[in-house]
Amino acid sequence: MNTYLLLKWVHILSSVVLVGTGFGSAFYMFFANRSGSVAAQAVVSRLVVQADLWFTTPAVIVQPLTGIALVRLAGWPLTTPWIAWSIGLYVLAGACWLPVLWLQCRMASMTAEAARTGAPLPALHAVYARWWERLGYPAFLAMLGVFYLMVNKP
């Protein structure tokens, strides 16, 4: 296997891990937050934070490294419109994801404390959950746009 194909394989695999983990985590967190079960919210939010740290974060790093390497090997300038749009959408997704990660960590702490003590969740948890969701939609749509551009190269 040549370098280009190896990088392409790693790039595709990391994109699947990035978007798949993000979507799967969001699915479980979204529904756990609506379950009314603090214990479920505590477990799911803890695991979502772990998934982001173990899977999403490495993929977030691998994606631009392999993407830029592929672009260089293929001889395309970074100013090629579909590449520039891909980079822009990726930056937008990252700009949404960083606060989402912070919010997830805070929500995980709140739910763990509430589950441990039997206290209700603080009102701030609902505020954080709304922001988490609001930031998640544009991040996910941006990554769908990156997938489209990566596959179709218009």
C-alpha atoms as a PDB file:
ATOM      1  CA  MET A   1       0.000   0.000   0.000  1.00  0.00           C
ATOM      2  CA  ASN A   2       1.438   3.389  -0.908  1.00  0.00           C
ATOM      3  CA  THR A   3       1.618   6.413   1.407  1.00  0.00           C
ATOM      4  CA  TYR A   4      -1.359   8.185  -0.182  1.00  0.00           C
ATOM      5  CA  LEU A   5      -3.676   5.182   0.222  1.00  0.00           C
ATOM      6  CA  LEU A   6      -2.522   4.565   3.792  1.00  0.00           C
ATOM      7  CA  LEU A   7      -3.152   8.211   4.709  1.00  0.00           C
ATOM      8  CA  LYS A   8      -6.511   8.106   2.942  1.00  0.00           C
ATOM      9  CA  TRP A   9      -7.500   5.013   4.934  1.00  0.00           C
ATOM     10  CA  VAL A  10      -6.488   6.663   8.224  1.00  0.00           C
ATOM     11  CA  HIS A  11      -8.278   9.868   7.198  1.00  0.00           C
ATOM     12  CA  ILE A  12     -11.516   8.052   6.379  1.00  0.00           C
ATOM     13  CA  LEU A  13     -11.320   5.882   9.494  1.00  0.00           C
ATOM     14  CA  SER A  14     -10.712   8.878  11.752  1.00  0.00           C
ATOM     15  CA  SER A  15     -13.582  10.796  10.132  1.00  0.00           C
ATOM     16  CA  VAL A  16     -15.910   7.883  10.845  1.00  0.00           C
ATOM     17  CA  VAL A  17     -14.693   7.713  14.452  1.00  0.00           C
ATOM     18  CA  LEU A  18     -15.070  11.485  14.833  1.00  0.00           C
ATOM     19  CA  VAL A  19     -18.581  11.791  13.446  1.00  0.00           C
ATOM     20  CA  GLY A  20     -19.784   8.390  14.628  1.00  0.00           C
ATOM     21  CA  THR A  21     -18.663   8.879  18.210  1.00  0.00           C
ATOM     22  CA  GLY A  22     -20.016  12.411  18.204  1.00  0.00           C
ATOM     23  CA  PHE A  23     -23.409  11.400  16.858  1.00  0.00           C
ATOM     24  CA  GLY A  24     -23.685   8.325  19.075  1.00  0.00           C
ATOM     25  CA  SER A  25     -22.683  10.256  22.180  1.00  0.00           C
ATOM     26  CA  ALA A  26     -25.089  13.054  21.344  1.00  0.00           C
ATOM     27  CA  PHE A  27     -27.916  10.548  20.852  1.00  0.00           C
ATOM     28  CA  TYR A  28     -27.445   9.010  24.292  1.00  0.00           C
ATOM     29  CA  MET A  29     -26.840  12.303  26.075  1.00  0.00           C
ATOM     30  CA  PHE A  30     -29.877  13.921  24.404  1.00  0.00           C
ATOM     31  CA  PHE A  31     -32.197  11.162  25.576  1.00  0.00           C
ATOM     32  CA  ALA A  32     -30.579  10.685  28.983  1.00  0.00           C
ATOM     33  CA  ASN A  33     -31.082  14.400  29.645  1.00  0.00           C
ATOM     34  CA  ARG A  34     -34.794  13.943  28.937  1.00  0.00           C
ATOM     35  CA  SER A  35     -35.173  10.728  30.915  1.00  0.00           C
ATOM     36  CA  GLY A  36     -35.750  12.307  34.297  1.00  0.00           C
ATOM     37  CA  SER A  37     -33.280   9.825  35.776  1.00  0.00           C
ATOM     38  CA  VAL A  38     -30.337  11.540  37.420  1.00  0.00           C
ATOM     39  CA  ALA A  39     -28.567   8.188  37.740  1.00  0.00           C
ATOM     40  CA  ALA A  40     -28.872   7.594  33.976  1.00  0.00           C
ATOM     41  CA  GLN A  41     -27.709  11.124  33.253  1.00  0.00           C
ATOM     42  CA  ALA A  42     -24.700  10.663  35.534  1.00  0.00           C
ATOM     43  CA  VAL A  43     -23.611   7.439  33.836  1.00  0.00           C
ATOM     44  CA  VAL A  44     -24.224   8.660  30.282  1.00  0.00           C
ATOM     45  CA  SER A  45     -22.597  12.064  30.761  1.00  0.00           C
ATOM     46  CA  ARG A  46     -19.515  10.437  32.327  1.00  0.00           C
ATOM     47  CA  LEU A  47     -19.233   8.016  29.411  1.00  0.00           C
ATOM     48  CA  VAL A  48     -19.803  10.762  26.832  1.00  0.00           C
ATOM     49  CA  VAL A  49     -16.923  12.745  28.314  1.00  0.00           C
ATOM     50  CA  GLN A  50     -14.746   9.626  28.223  1.00  0.00           C
ATOM     51  CA  ALA A  51     -15.705   8.884  24.603  1.00  0.00           C
ATOM     52  CA  ASP A  52     -14.824  12.446  23.602  1.00  0.00           C
ATOM     53  CA  LEU A  53     -11.452  12.219  25.316  1.00  0.00           C
ATOM     54  CA  TRP A  54     -10.571   8.700  24.149  1.00  0.00           C
ATOM     55  CA  PHE A  55     -12.004   8.682  20.622  1.00  0.00           C
ATOM     56  CA  THR A  56     -13.117  12.106  19.420  1.00  0.00           C
ATOM     57  CA  THR A  57     -10.067  14.064  20.549  1.00  0.00           C
ATOM     58  CA  PRO A  58      -7.527  11.822  18.780  1.00  0.00           C
ATOM     59  CA  ALA A  59      -9.690  11.857  15.647  1.00  0.00           C
ATOM     60  CA  VAL A  60      -9.919  15.661  15.824  1.00  0.00           C
ATOM     61  CA  ILE A  61      -6.111  15.762  15.743  1.00  0.00           C
ATOM     62  CA  VAL A  62      -5.653  13.081  13.070  1.00  0.00           C
ATOM     63  CA  GLN A  63      -8.181  14.600  10.656  1.00  0.00           C
ATOM     64  CA  PRO A  64      -6.345  17.817   9.743  1.00  0.00           C
ATOM     65  CA  LEU A  65      -2.942  16.136   9.802  1.00  0.00           C
ATOM     66  CA  THR A  66      -3.966  13.431   7.344  1.00  0.00           C
ATOM     67  CA  GLY A  67      -6.159  15.791   5.337  1.00  0.00           C
ATOM     68  CA  ILE A  68      -3.373  18.291   4.745  1.00  0.00           C
ATOM     69  CA  ALA A  69      -0.921  15.484   3.979  1.00  0.00           C
ATOM     70  CA  LEU A  70      -3.353  14.071   1.399  1.00  0.00           C
ATOM     71  CA  VAL A  71      -3.848  17.484  -0.178  1.00  0.00           C
ATOM     72  CA  ARG A  72      -0.087  17.993  -0.408  1.00  0.00           C
ATOM     73  CA  LEU A  73       0.524  14.527  -1.875  1.00  0.00           C
ATOM     74  CA  ALA A  74      -2.237  15.055  -4.432  1.00  0.00           C
ATOM     75  CA  GLY A  75      -0.789  18.440  -5.402  1.00  0.00           C
ATOM     76  CA  TRP A  76      -3.905  20.479  -4.642  1.00  0.00           C
ATOM     77  CA  PRO A  77      -3.506  23.958  -3.199  1.00  0.00           C
ATOM     78  CA  LEU A  78      -5.274  24.650   0.099  1.00  0.00           C
ATOM     79  CA  THR A  79      -7.117  27.433  -1.728  1.00  0.00           C
ATOM     80  CA  THR A  80      -8.981  24.906  -3.902  1.00  0.00           C
ATOM     81  CA  PRO A  81     -12.618  25.837  -3.144  1.00  0.00           C
ATOM     82  CA  TRP A  82     -13.787  22.462  -1.816  1.00  0.00           C
ATOM     83  CA  ILE A  83     -10.677  22.198   0.379  1.00  0.00           C
ATOM     84  CA  ALA A  84     -11.042  25.734   1.704  1.00  0.00           C
ATOM     85  CA  TRP A  85     -14.731  25.094   2.467  1.00  0.00           C
ATOM     86  CA  SER A  86     -13.843  21.810   4.177  1.00  0.00           C
ATOM     87  CA  ILE A  87     -11.293  23.544   6.375  1.00  0.00           C
ATOM     88  CA  GLY A  88     -13.725  26.342   7.186  1.00  0.00           C
ATOM     89  CA  LEU A  89     -16.508  23.927   8.121  1.00  0.00           C
ATOM     90  CA  TYR A  90     -14.072  21.861  10.185  1.00  0.00           C
ATOM     91  CA  VAL A  91     -13.000  24.985  12.087  1.00  0.00           C
ATOM     92  CA  LEU A  92     -16.679  25.881  12.643  1.00  0.00           C
ATOM     93  CA  ALA A  93     -17.370  22.387  13.992  1.00  0.00           C
ATOM     94  CA  GLY A  94     -14.338  22.666  16.270  1.00  0.00           C
ATOM     95  CA  ALA A  95     -15.422  26.093  17.490  1.00  0.00           C
ATOM     96  CA  CYS A  96     -18.717  24.501  18.541  1.00  0.00           C
ATOM     97  CA  TRP A  97     -17.158  21.304  19.907  1.00  0.00           C
ATOM     98  CA  LEU A  98     -14.725  22.929  22.351  1.00  0.00           C
ATOM     99  CA  PRO A  99     -17.472  24.611  24.396  1.00  0.00           C
ATOM    100  CA  VAL A 100     -19.574  21.434  24.071  1.00  0.00           C
ATOM    101  CA  LEU A 101     -16.745  19.445  25.651  1.00  0.00           C
ATOM    102  CA  TRP A 102     -16.542  21.941  28.508  1.00  0.00           C
ATOM    103  CA  LEU A 103     -20.329  21.821  28.967  1.00  0.00           C
ATOM    104  CA  GLN A 104     -20.271  18.006  28.993  1.00  0.00           C
ATOM    105  CA  CYS A 105     -17.613  18.004  31.690  1.00  0.00           C
ATOM    106  CA  ARG A 106     -19.611  20.412  33.818  1.00  0.00           C
ATOM    107  CA  MET A 107     -22.853  18.470  33.303  1.00  0.00           C
ATOM    108  CA  ALA A 108     -21.068  15.225  34.194  1.00  0.00           C
ATOM    109  CA  SER A 109     -19.858  16.790  37.454  1.00  0.00           C
ATOM    110  CA  MET A 110     -23.323  18.101  38.268  1.00  0.00           C
ATOM    111  CA  THR A 111     -25.068  14.812  37.571  1.00  0.00           C
ATOM    112  CA  ALA A 112     -22.451  12.797  39.484  1.00  0.00           C
ATOM    113  CA  GLU A 113     -22.883  15.041  42.518  1.00  0.00           C
ATOM    114  CA  ALA A 114     -26.689  14.913  42.319  1.00  0.00           C
ATOM    115  CA  ALA A 115     -26.640  11.120  41.943  1.00  0.00           C
ATOM    116  CA  ARG A 116     -24.219  10.763  44.852  1.00  0.00           C
ATOM    117  CA  THR A 117     -26.174  13.009  47.236  1.00  0.00           C
ATOM    118  CA  GLY A 118     -29.713  12.379  46.011  1.00  0.00           C
ATOM    119  CA  ALA A 119     -30.176  16.101  45.418  1.00  0.00           C
ATOM    120  CA  PRO A 120     -31.977  17.392  42.353  1.00  0.00           C
ATOM    121  CA  LEU A 121     -29.929  18.735  39.478  1.00  0.00           C
ATOM    122  CA  PRO A 122     -29.198  22.446  39.720  1.00  0.00           C
ATOM    123  CA  ALA A 123     -31.071  24.711  37.297  1.00  0.00           C
ATOM    124  CA  LEU A 124     -27.731  25.476  35.652  1.00  0.00           C
ATOM    125  CA  HIS A 125     -27.674  21.915  34.313  1.00  0.00           C
ATOM    126  CA  ALA A 126     -30.711  22.635  32.120  1.00  0.00           C
ATOM    127  CA  VAL A 127     -29.059  25.829  30.856  1.00  0.00           C
ATOM    128  CA  TYR A 128     -25.900  23.912  29.990  1.00  0.00           C
ATOM    129  CA  ALA A 129     -27.923  21.151  28.322  1.00  0.00           C
ATOM    130  CA  ARG A 130     -29.687  23.708  26.096  1.00  0.00           C
ATOM    131  CA  TRP A 131     -26.354  25.257  25.076  1.00  0.00           C
ATOM    132  CA  TRP A 132     -24.857  21.812  24.533  1.00  0.00           C
ATOM    133  CA  GLU A 133     -27.685  20.987  22.147  1.00  0.00           C
ATOM    134  CA  ARG A 134     -27.636  24.365  20.361  1.00  0.00           C
ATOM    135  CA  LEU A 135     -23.922  24.036  19.676  1.00  0.00           C
ATOM    136  CA  GLY A 136     -24.203  20.397  18.652  1.00  0.00           C
ATOM    137  CA  TYR A 137     -26.525  20.995  15.693  1.00  0.00           C
ATOM    138  CA  PRO A 138     -24.261  23.345  13.729  1.00  0.00           C
ATOM    139  CA  ALA A 139     -21.217  21.204  14.543  1.00  0.00           C
ATOM    140  CA  PHE A 140     -22.924  18.089  13.200  1.00  0.00           C
ATOM    141  CA  LEU A 141     -24.218  19.879  10.090  1.00  0.00           C
ATOM    142  CA  ALA A 142     -20.753  21.301   9.444  1.00  0.00           C
ATOM    143  CA  MET A 143     -19.253  17.819   9.609  1.00  0.00           C
ATOM    144  CA  LEU A 144     -21.903  16.508   7.198  1.00  0.00           C
ATOM    145  CA  GLY A 145     -20.796  19.300   4.863  1.00  0.00           C
ATOM    146  CA  VAL A 146     -17.193  18.213   5.245  1.00  0.00           C
ATOM    147  CA  PHE A 147     -18.167  14.631   4.406  1.00  0.00           C
ATOM    148  CA  TYR A 148     -19.981  15.832   1.288  1.00  0.00           C
ATOM    149  CA  LEU A 149     -16.986  17.876   0.166  1.00  0.00           C
ATOM    150  CA  MET A 150     -14.506  15.120   1.019  1.00  0.00           C
ATOM    151  CA  VAL A 151     -16.416  12.554  -1.047  1.00  0.00           C
ATOM    152  CA  ASN A 152     -17.567  14.674  -3.988  1.00  0.00           C
ATOM    153  CA  LYS A 153     -14.707  17.182  -4.293  1.00  0.00           C
ATOM    154  CA  PRO A 154     -16.911  19.574  -6.309  1.00  0.00           C
END
